[in-house]
C-alpha atoms as a PDB file:
ATOM      1  CA  UNK A   1     -11.505-126.818 -39.863  1.00  0.00           C
ATOM      2  CA  UNK A   2     -14.026-123.963 -39.880  1.00  0.00           C
ATOM      3  CA  UNK A   3     -12.176-122.163 -37.132  1.00  0.00           C
ATOM      4  CA  UNK A   4      -8.928-122.195 -39.023  1.00  0.00           C
ATOM      5  CA  UNK A   5     -10.608-120.908 -42.175  1.00  0.00           C
ATOM      6  CA  UNK A   6     -12.263-118.063 -40.246  1.00  0.00           C
ATOM      7  CA  UNK A   7      -8.958-117.024 -38.724  1.00  0.00           C
ATOM      8  CA  UNK A   8      -7.284-117.113 -42.112  1.00  0.00           C
ATOM      9  CA  UNK A   9      -9.940-114.829 -43.614  1.00  0.00           C
ATOM     10  CA  UNK A  10      -9.673-112.314 -40.766  1.00  0.00           C
ATOM     11  CA  UNK A  11      -5.908-112.207 -41.172  1.00  0.00           C
ATOM     12  CA  UNK A  12      -6.185-111.540 -44.892  1.00  0.00           C
ATOM     13  CA  UNK A  13      -8.770-108.685 -44.275  1.00  0.00           C
ATOM     14  CA  UNK A  14      -6.599-106.994 -41.686  1.00  0.00           C
ATOM     15  CA  UNK A  15      -3.620-107.161 -43.995  1.00  0.00           C
ATOM     16  CA  UNK A  16      -5.680-105.580 -46.761  1.00  0.00           C
ATOM     17  CA  UNK A  17      -6.710-102.724 -44.482  1.00  0.00           C
ATOM     18  CA  UNK A  18      -3.141-102.053 -43.458  1.00  0.00           C
ATOM     19  CA  UNK A  19      -1.939-102.066 -47.026  1.00  0.00           C
ATOM     20  CA  UNK A  20      -4.719 -99.714 -48.246  1.00  0.00           C
ATOM     21  CA  UNK A  21      -3.704 -95.986 -48.593  1.00  0.00           C
ATOM     22  CA  UNK A  22      -5.005 -93.661 -45.849  1.00  0.00           C
ATOM     23  CA  UNK A  23      -6.181 -90.095 -46.817  1.00  0.00           C
ATOM     24  CA  UNK A  24      -5.100 -87.413 -44.288  1.00  0.00           C
ATOM     25  CA  UNK A  25      -7.468 -84.393 -44.253  1.00  0.00           C
ATOM     26  CA  UNK A  26      -6.331 -80.990 -42.860  1.00  0.00           C
ATOM     27  CA  UNK A  27      -8.102 -79.752 -39.705  1.00  0.00           C
ATOM     28  CA  UNK A  28     -10.840 -77.113 -40.141  1.00  0.00           C
ATOM     29  CA  UNK A  29      -9.926 -73.429 -39.734  1.00  0.00           C
ATOM     30  CA  UNK A  30     -12.084 -73.062 -36.620  1.00  0.00           C
ATOM     31  CA  UNK A  31     -10.001 -75.672 -34.880  1.00  0.00           C
ATOM     32  CA  UNK A  32      -6.688 -73.693 -35.198  1.00  0.00           C
ATOM     33  CA  UNK A  33      -4.573 -73.522 -32.041  1.00  0.00           C
ATOM     34  CA  UNK A  34      -4.189 -70.149 -30.086  1.00  0.00           C
ATOM     35  CA  UNK A  35      -0.693 -69.483 -28.880  1.00  0.00           C
ATOM     36  CA  UNK A  36      -0.508 -67.532 -25.478  1.00  0.00           C
ATOM     37  CA  UNK A  37       2.521 -65.265 -25.064  1.00  0.00           C
ATOM     38  CA  UNK A  38       2.802 -64.013 -21.425  1.00  0.00           C
ATOM     39  CA  UNK A  39       5.441 -61.401 -22.264  1.00  0.00           C
ATOM     40  CA  UNK A  40       3.399 -59.843 -25.045  1.00  0.00           C
ATOM     41  CA  UNK A  41       0.284 -59.870 -22.860  1.00  0.00           C
ATOM     42  CA  UNK A  42       2.097 -58.060 -20.024  1.00  0.00           C
ATOM     43  CA  UNK A  43       3.346 -55.394 -22.436  1.00  0.00           C
ATOM     44  CA  UNK A  44      -0.135 -54.852 -23.822  1.00  0.00           C
ATOM     45  CA  UNK A  45      -1.566 -54.492 -20.315  1.00  0.00           C
ATOM     46  CA  UNK A  46       1.196 -52.018 -19.361  1.00  0.00           C
ATOM     47  CA  UNK A  47       0.560 -49.914 -22.474  1.00  0.00           C
ATOM     48  CA  UNK A  48      -3.173 -49.875 -21.768  1.00  0.00           C
ATOM     49  CA  UNK A  49      -2.528 -48.785 -18.146  1.00  0.00           C
ATOM     50  CA  UNK A  50      -0.247 -45.968 -19.306  1.00  0.00           C
ATOM     51  CA  UNK A  51      -2.811 -44.771 -21.832  1.00  0.00           C
ATOM     52  CA  UNK A  52      -5.510 -44.801 -19.133  1.00  0.00           C
ATOM     53  CA  UNK A  53      -3.250 -42.818 -16.789  1.00  0.00           C
ATOM     54  CA  UNK A  54      -2.684 -40.180 -19.475  1.00  0.00           C
ATOM     55  CA  UNK A  55      -6.410 -39.881 -20.040  1.00  0.00           C
ATOM     56  CA  UNK A  56      -6.989 -39.470 -16.283  1.00  0.00           C
ATOM     57  CA  UNK A  57      -4.291 -36.792 -16.144  1.00  0.00           C
ATOM     58  CA  UNK A  58      -5.914 -34.920 -19.002  1.00  0.00           C
ATOM     59  CA  UNK A  59      -9.305 -35.124 -17.294  1.00  0.00           C
ATOM     60  CA  UNK A  60      -7.789 -33.806 -14.058  1.00  0.00           C
ATOM     61  CA  UNK A  61      -6.088 -30.970 -15.924  1.00  0.00           C
ATOM     62  CA  UNK A  62      -9.363 -30.002 -17.591  1.00  0.00           C
ATOM     63  CA  UNK A  63     -11.139 -30.066 -14.234  1.00  0.00           C
ATOM     64  CA  UNK A  64      -8.466 -27.817 -12.706  1.00  0.00           C
ATOM     65  CA  UNK A  65      -8.734 -25.376 -15.595  1.00  0.00           C
ATOM     66  CA  UNK A  66     -12.504 -25.326 -15.277  1.00  0.00           C
ATOM     67  CA  UNK A  67     -12.236 -24.660 -11.534  1.00  0.00           C
ATOM     68  CA  UNK A  68      -9.706 -21.907 -12.200  1.00  0.00           C
ATOM     69  CA  UNK A  69     -12.108 -20.250 -14.626  1.00  0.00           C
ATOM     70  CA  UNK A  70     -14.905 -20.539 -12.070  1.00  0.00           C
ATOM     71  CA  UNK A  71     -12.707 -18.943  -9.405  1.00  0.00           C
ATOM     72  CA  UNK A  72     -11.725 -16.149 -11.771  1.00  0.00           C
ATOM     73  CA  UNK A  73     -15.373 -15.526 -12.550  1.00  0.00           C
ATOM     74  CA  UNK A  74     -16.129 -15.353  -8.833  1.00  0.00           C
ATOM     75  CA  UNK A  75     -13.212 -13.011  -8.209  1.00  0.00           C
ATOM     76  CA  UNK A  76     -14.502 -10.700 -10.944  1.00  0.00           C
ATOM     77  CA  UNK A  77     -18.100 -10.731  -9.691  1.00  0.00           C
ATOM     78  CA  UNK A  78     -19.144  -7.234  -8.636  1.00  0.00           C
ATOM     79  CA  UNK A  79     -20.743  -6.597  -5.233  1.00  0.00           C
ATOM     80  CA  UNK A  80     -24.527  -6.264  -5.751  1.00  0.00           C
ATOM     81  CA  UNK A  81     -24.812  -3.610  -3.021  1.00  0.00           C
ATOM     82  CA  UNK A  82     -23.777   0.018  -2.694  1.00  0.00           C
ATOM     83  CA  UNK A  83     -24.026   2.294   0.324  1.00  0.00           C
ATOM     84  CA  UNK A  84     -22.844   5.352  -1.602  1.00  0.00           C
ATOM     85  CA  UNK A  85     -26.265   6.993  -1.810  1.00  0.00           C
ATOM     86  CA  UNK A  86     -26.935   6.637   1.929  1.00  0.00           C
ATOM     87  CA  UNK A  87     -23.476   7.967   2.801  1.00  0.00           C
ATOM     88  CA  UNK A  88     -23.862  10.916   0.445  1.00  0.00           C
ATOM     89  CA  UNK A  89     -27.231  11.744   2.005  1.00  0.00           C
ATOM     90  CA  UNK A  90     -25.707  11.683   5.494  1.00  0.00           C
ATOM     91  CA  UNK A  91     -22.883  13.987   4.420  1.00  0.00           C
ATOM     92  CA  UNK A  92     -25.405  16.244   2.684  1.00  0.00           C
ATOM     93  CA  UNK A  93     -27.488  16.595   5.851  1.00  0.00           C
ATOM     94  CA  UNK A  94     -24.455  17.608   7.912  1.00  0.00           C
ATOM     95  CA  UNK A  95     -23.256  20.001   5.215  1.00  0.00           C
ATOM     96  CA  UNK A  96     -26.698  21.590   5.040  1.00  0.00           C
ATOM     97  CA  UNK A  97     -26.624  22.258   8.784  1.00  0.00           C
ATOM     98  CA  UNK A  98     -23.240  23.942   8.451  1.00  0.00           C
ATOM     99  CA  UNK A  99     -24.537  26.119   5.622  1.00  0.00           C
ATOM    100  CA  UNK A 100     -27.412  27.296   7.824  1.00  0.00           C
ATOM    101  CA  UNK A 101     -25.020  29.034  10.216  1.00  0.00           C
ATOM    102  CA  UNK A 102     -26.653  32.120  11.651  1.00  0.00           C
ATOM    103  CA  UNK A 103     -25.336  35.688  11.244  1.00  0.00           C
ATOM    104  CA  UNK A 104     -21.709  34.710  10.618  1.00  0.00           C
ATOM    105  CA  UNK A 105     -21.313  31.833   8.162  1.00  0.00           C
ATOM    106  CA  UNK A 106     -18.347  29.532   7.678  1.00  0.00           C
ATOM    107  CA  UNK A 107     -16.870  31.936   5.153  1.00  0.00           C
ATOM    108  CA  UNK A 108     -13.512  33.642   5.536  1.00  0.00           C
ATOM    109  CA  UNK A 109     -14.570  36.953   3.964  1.00  0.00           C
ATOM    110  CA  UNK A 110     -17.754  37.195   6.024  1.00  0.00           C
ATOM    111  CA  UNK A 111     -15.856  36.392   9.205  1.00  0.00           C
ATOM    112  CA  UNK A 112     -13.221  39.039   8.487  1.00  0.00           C
ATOM    113  CA  UNK A 113     -15.870  41.639   7.686  1.00  0.00           C
ATOM    114  CA  UNK A 114     -17.949  40.912  10.785  1.00  0.00           C
ATOM    115  CA  UNK A 115     -14.963  40.986  13.133  1.00  0.00           C
ATOM    116  CA  UNK A 116     -13.671  44.186  11.594  1.00  0.00           C
ATOM    117  CA  UNK A 117     -17.007  45.922  12.075  1.00  0.00           C
ATOM    118  CA  UNK A 118     -18.175  44.605  15.448  1.00  0.00           C
ATOM    119  CA  UNK A 119     -15.317  42.967  17.300  1.00  0.00           C
ATOM    120  CA  UNK A 120     -11.938  44.404  16.366  1.00  0.00           C
ATOM    121  CA  UNK A 121     -12.308  48.097  17.233  1.00  0.00           C
ATOM    122  CA  UNK A 122     -14.739  49.954  19.418  1.00  0.00           C
ATOM    123  CA  UNK A 123     -15.365  53.477  18.144  1.00  0.00           C
ATOM    124  CA  UNK A 124     -15.037  55.897  21.036  1.00  0.00           C
ATOM    125  CA  UNK A 125     -17.091  58.444  19.106  1.00  0.00           C
ATOM    126  CA  UNK A 126     -20.041  56.093  18.703  1.00  0.00           C
ATOM    127  CA  UNK A 127     -23.200  56.957  20.573  1.00  0.00           C
ATOM    128  CA  UNK A 128     -24.331  55.006  23.583  1.00  0.00           C
ATOM    129  CA  UNK A 129     -27.233  53.726  21.540  1.00  0.00           C
ATOM    130  CA  UNK A 130     -24.846  52.420  18.865  1.00  0.00           C
ATOM    131  CA  UNK A 131     -22.612  50.783  21.472  1.00  0.00           C
ATOM    132  CA  UNK A 132     -25.594  49.000  22.975  1.00  0.00           C
ATOM    133  CA  UNK A 133     -26.781  47.887  19.525  1.00  0.00           C
ATOM    134  CA  UNK A 134     -23.335  46.517  18.664  1.00  0.00           C
ATOM    135  CA  UNK A 135     -23.137  44.669  21.978  1.00  0.00           C
ATOM    136  CA  UNK A 136     -26.540  43.112  21.355  1.00  0.00           C
ATOM    137  CA  UNK A 137     -25.490  42.085  17.836  1.00  0.00           C
ATOM    138  CA  UNK A 138     -22.394  40.354  19.217  1.00  0.00           C
ATOM    139  CA  UNK A 139     -24.515  38.572  21.820  1.00  0.00           C
ATOM    140  CA  UNK A 140     -26.901  37.390  19.107  1.00  0.00           C
ATOM    141  CA  UNK A 141     -23.951  36.034  17.141  1.00  0.00           C
ATOM    142  CA  UNK A 142     -22.758  34.117  20.196  1.00  0.00           C
ATOM    143  CA  UNK A 143     -26.168  32.648  20.921  1.00  0.00           C
ATOM    144  CA  UNK A 144     -26.624  31.770  17.250  1.00  0.00           C
ATOM    145  CA  UNK A 145     -23.240  30.044  17.176  1.00  0.00           C
ATOM    146  CA  UNK A 146     -24.154  27.960  20.221  1.00  0.00           C
ATOM    147  CA  UNK A 147     -27.468  27.014  18.636  1.00  0.00           C
ATOM    148  CA  UNK A 148     -25.744  26.100  15.358  1.00  0.00           C
ATOM    149  CA  UNK A 149     -23.300  23.871  17.236  1.00  0.00           C
ATOM    150  CA  UNK A 150     -26.150  22.068  18.980  1.00  0.00           C
ATOM    151  CA  UNK A 151     -27.989  21.584  15.675  1.00  0.00           C
ATOM    152  CA  UNK A 152     -24.912  20.082  14.047  1.00  0.00           C
ATOM    153  CA  UNK A 153     -24.467  17.797  17.043  1.00  0.00           C
ATOM    154  CA  UNK A 154     -28.095  16.680  16.762  1.00  0.00           C
ATOM    155  CA  UNK A 155     -27.672  16.009  13.035  1.00  0.00           C
ATOM    156  CA  UNK A 156     -24.562  13.924  13.588  1.00  0.00           C
ATOM    157  CA  UNK A 157     -26.310  11.922  16.290  1.00  0.00           C
ATOM    158  CA  UNK A 158     -29.152  11.337  13.830  1.00  0.00           C
ATOM    159  CA  UNK A 159     -26.662   9.881  11.355  1.00  0.00           C
ATOM    160  CA  UNK A 160     -25.499   7.260  13.854  1.00  0.00           C
ATOM    161  CA  UNK A 161     -28.421   4.928  13.165  1.00  0.00           C
ATOM    162  CA  UNK A 162     -27.889   5.202   9.407  1.00  0.00           C
ATOM    163  CA  UNK A 163     -24.189   4.485   9.852  1.00  0.00           C
ATOM    164  CA  UNK A 164     -24.944   1.477  12.048  1.00  0.00           C
ATOM    165  CA  UNK A 165     -27.305  -0.035   9.465  1.00  0.00           C
ATOM    166  CA  UNK A 166     -24.834   0.535   6.633  1.00  0.00           C
ATOM    167  CA  UNK A 167     -21.940  -0.912   8.623  1.00  0.00           C
ATOM    168  CA  UNK A 168     -23.954  -4.046   9.437  1.00  0.00           C
ATOM    169  CA  UNK A 169     -24.963  -4.513   5.802  1.00  0.00           C
ATOM    170  CA  UNK A 170     -21.415  -4.031   4.524  1.00  0.00           C
ATOM    171  CA  UNK A 171     -19.896  -6.412   7.072  1.00  0.00           C
ATOM    172  CA  UNK A 172     -22.455  -9.089   6.165  1.00  0.00           C
ATOM    173  CA  UNK A 173     -21.686  -8.745   2.470  1.00  0.00           C
ATOM    174  CA  UNK A 174     -17.960  -8.712   3.094  1.00  0.00           C
ATOM    175  CA  UNK A 175     -18.167 -11.962   5.031  1.00  0.00           C
ATOM    176  CA  UNK A 176     -20.385 -13.540   2.362  1.00  0.00           C
ATOM    177  CA  UNK A 177     -18.342 -12.315  -0.597  1.00  0.00           C
ATOM    178  CA  UNK A 178     -17.953 -14.887  -3.372  1.00  0.00           C
ATOM    179  CA  UNK A 179     -14.672 -13.481  -4.652  1.00  0.00           C
ATOM    180  CA  UNK A 180     -11.864 -11.036  -4.146  1.00  0.00           C
ATOM    181  CA  UNK A 181     -13.606  -8.217  -6.033  1.00  0.00           C
ATOM    182  CA  UNK A 182     -16.690  -8.334  -3.823  1.00  0.00           C
ATOM    183  CA  UNK A 183     -14.566  -8.418  -0.670  1.00  0.00           C
ATOM    184  CA  UNK A 184     -12.511  -5.454  -1.924  1.00  0.00           C
ATOM    185  CA  UNK A 185     -15.597  -3.447  -2.848  1.00  0.00           C
ATOM    186  CA  UNK A 186     -17.175  -4.114   0.549  1.00  0.00           C
ATOM    187  CA  UNK A 187     -13.940  -3.029   2.216  1.00  0.00           C
ATOM    188  CA  UNK A 188     -13.843   0.158   0.142  1.00  0.00           C
ATOM    189  CA  UNK A 189     -17.387   0.998   1.170  1.00  0.00           C
ATOM    190  CA  UNK A 190     -16.495   0.441   4.817  1.00  0.00           C
ATOM    191  CA  UNK A 191     -13.637   2.912   4.352  1.00  0.00           C
ATOM    192  CA  UNK A 192     -16.106   5.360   2.794  1.00  0.00           C
ATOM    193  CA  UNK A 193     -18.343   4.918   5.841  1.00  0.00           C
ATOM    194  CA  UNK A 194     -15.417   5.776   8.096  1.00  0.00           C
ATOM    195  CA  UNK A 195     -14.700   8.839   5.959  1.00  0.00           C
ATOM    196  CA  UNK A 196     -18.309   9.968   6.365  1.00  0.00           C
ATOM    197  CA  UNK A 197     -18.060   9.523  10.123  1.00  0.00           C
ATOM    198  CA  UNK A 198     -14.845  11.549  10.151  1.00  0.00           C
ATOM    199  CA  UNK A 199     -16.653  14.261   8.170  1.00  0.00           C
ATOM    200  CA  UNK A 200     -19.379  14.341  10.831  1.00  0.00           C
ATOM    201  CA  UNK A 201     -16.771  14.557  13.556  1.00  0.00           C
ATOM    202  CA  UNK A 202     -15.027  17.403  11.701  1.00  0.00           C
ATOM    203  CA  UNK A 203     -18.337  19.244  11.404  1.00  0.00           C
ATOM    204  CA  UNK A 204     -19.001  18.931  15.137  1.00  0.00           C
ATOM    205  CA  UNK A 205     -15.512  20.155  15.997  1.00  0.00           C
ATOM    206  CA  UNK A 206     -15.869  23.085  13.588  1.00  0.00           C
ATOM    207  CA  UNK A 207     -19.298  24.078  14.922  1.00  0.00           C
ATOM    208  CA  UNK A 208     -18.150  23.825  18.547  1.00  0.00           C
ATOM    209  CA  UNK A 209     -14.997  25.776  17.765  1.00  0.00           C
ATOM    210  CA  UNK A 210     -17.038  28.476  16.038  1.00  0.00           C
ATOM    211  CA  UNK A 211     -19.357  28.796  19.019  1.00  0.00           C
ATOM    212  CA  UNK A 212     -16.426  29.001  21.426  1.00  0.00           C
ATOM    213  CA  UNK A 213     -14.661  31.559  19.250  1.00  0.00           C
ATOM    214  CA  UNK A 214     -17.772  33.756  19.121  1.00  0.00           C
ATOM    215  CA  UNK A 215     -18.092  33.541  22.888  1.00  0.00           C
ATOM    216  CA  UNK A 216     -14.465  34.534  23.396  1.00  0.00           C
ATOM    217  CA  UNK A 217     -14.749  37.322  20.835  1.00  0.00           C
ATOM    218  CA  UNK A 218     -17.851  38.690  22.534  1.00  0.00           C
ATOM    219  CA  UNK A 219     -16.097  38.735  25.880  1.00  0.00           C
ATOM    220  CA  UNK A 220     -13.098  40.515  24.424  1.00  0.00           C
ATOM    221  CA  UNK A 221     -15.309  43.073  22.666  1.00  0.00           C
ATOM    222  CA  UNK A 222     -17.351  43.582  25.824  1.00  0.00           C
ATOM    223  CA  UNK A 223     -14.172  44.238  27.799  1.00  0.00           C
ATOM    224  CA  UNK A 224     -13.014  46.759  25.193  1.00  0.00           C
ATOM    225  CA  UNK A 225     -16.405  48.437  25.125  1.00  0.00           C
ATOM    226  CA  UNK A 226     -16.367  48.674  28.905  1.00  0.00           C
ATOM    227  CA  UNK A 227     -12.973  50.327  28.779  1.00  0.00           C
ATOM    228  CA  UNK A 228     -14.201  52.856  26.222  1.00  0.00           C
ATOM    229  CA  UNK A 229     -17.295  53.665  28.235  1.00  0.00           C
ATOM    230  CA  UNK A 230     -15.221  54.038  31.382  1.00  0.00           C
ATOM    231  CA  UNK A 231     -12.866  56.480  29.659  1.00  0.00           C
ATOM    232  CA  UNK A 232     -15.843  58.456  28.470  1.00  0.00           C
ATOM    233  CA  UNK A 233     -17.227  58.529  31.940  1.00  0.00           C
ATOM    234  CA  UNK A 234     -13.948  59.783  33.414  1.00  0.00           C
ATOM    235  CA  UNK A 235     -13.189  62.296  30.669  1.00  0.00           C
ATOM    236  CA  UNK A 236     -13.763  65.890  31.829  1.00  0.00           C
ATOM    237  CA  UNK A 237     -16.607  67.613  30.078  1.00  0.00           C
ATOM    238  CA  UNK A 238     -18.299  64.361  29.248  1.00  0.00           C
ATOM    239  CA  UNK A 239     -21.432  65.571  31.007  1.00  0.00           C
ATOM    240  CA  UNK A 240     -20.875  63.841  34.283  1.00  0.00           C
ATOM    241  CA  UNK A 241     -21.398  66.121  37.302  1.00  0.00           C
ATOM    242  CA  UNK A 242     -20.100  64.902  40.669  1.00  0.00           C
ATOM    243  CA  UNK A 243     -22.303  65.394  43.698  1.00  0.00           C
ATOM    244  CA  UNK A 244     -22.807  64.338  47.276  1.00  0.00           C
ATOM    245  CA  UNK A 245     -24.563  61.103  47.957  1.00  0.00           C
ATOM    246  CA  UNK A 246     -26.087  60.354  51.331  1.00  0.00           C
ATOM    247  CA  UNK A 247     -26.515  56.681  51.991  1.00  0.00           C
ATOM    248  CA  UNK A 248     -27.704  56.727  55.619  1.00  0.00           C
ATOM    249  CA  UNK A 249     -29.918  59.137  57.504  1.00  0.00           C
ATOM    250  CA  UNK A 250     -27.700  60.758  60.162  1.00  0.00           C
ATOM    251  CA  UNK A 251     -30.229  63.292  61.316  1.00  0.00           C
ATOM    252  CA  UNK A 252     -31.514  63.472  64.831  1.00  0.00           C
ATOM    253  CA  UNK A 253     -34.915  62.089  63.914  1.00  0.00           C
END
């Protein structure tokens, strides 16, 4: 009897629970569901990649511009070396030797005057003493010209060491140039060095030619003077008296 009553009470309690209204509460905000959209995610990733690529391109462009400015600065950097003073001194030494030419300088008017007075014409009326003095003057000019030529040659040889040192310095700076301007300036100075060497060579040729010309002129004047003296000697009434000359003793002793 007790068992049946207990079952009857349990049945009535369960029925009451089922019949009672149930309150449904909304879920909290923190428990909201996140919806994953693969297509939208892929688009976002692609946009981010494109934006990153643009930034990298801009960085690369800025780096290239910076390098271009650096290269331009190097190309405009001046060469911190000049051989102009040494080259000018070498040219000055050679020019000074040419200006020290003895008796007849490298001057057109002086050359014309000297040749007119001592080389061009031999005055048949001049005294023997004057002819001898003129011949000695011409000989002194020839010897002086030869000495001048040798002095110029010695000066040019002395410039060789200076030219060698300058050429070595310029080649080193040309090879180590940081830009186009430095390389160009080094090349220009090398050309100036060659010009100075050509000036030395011109000076040697001029001095040697002067010495040779004086030698030839002296010979020509000496030949003319000999002709004049011979005519004097053979001219009747010149004071020459012919006589008998006995070279060997033909006597009986």
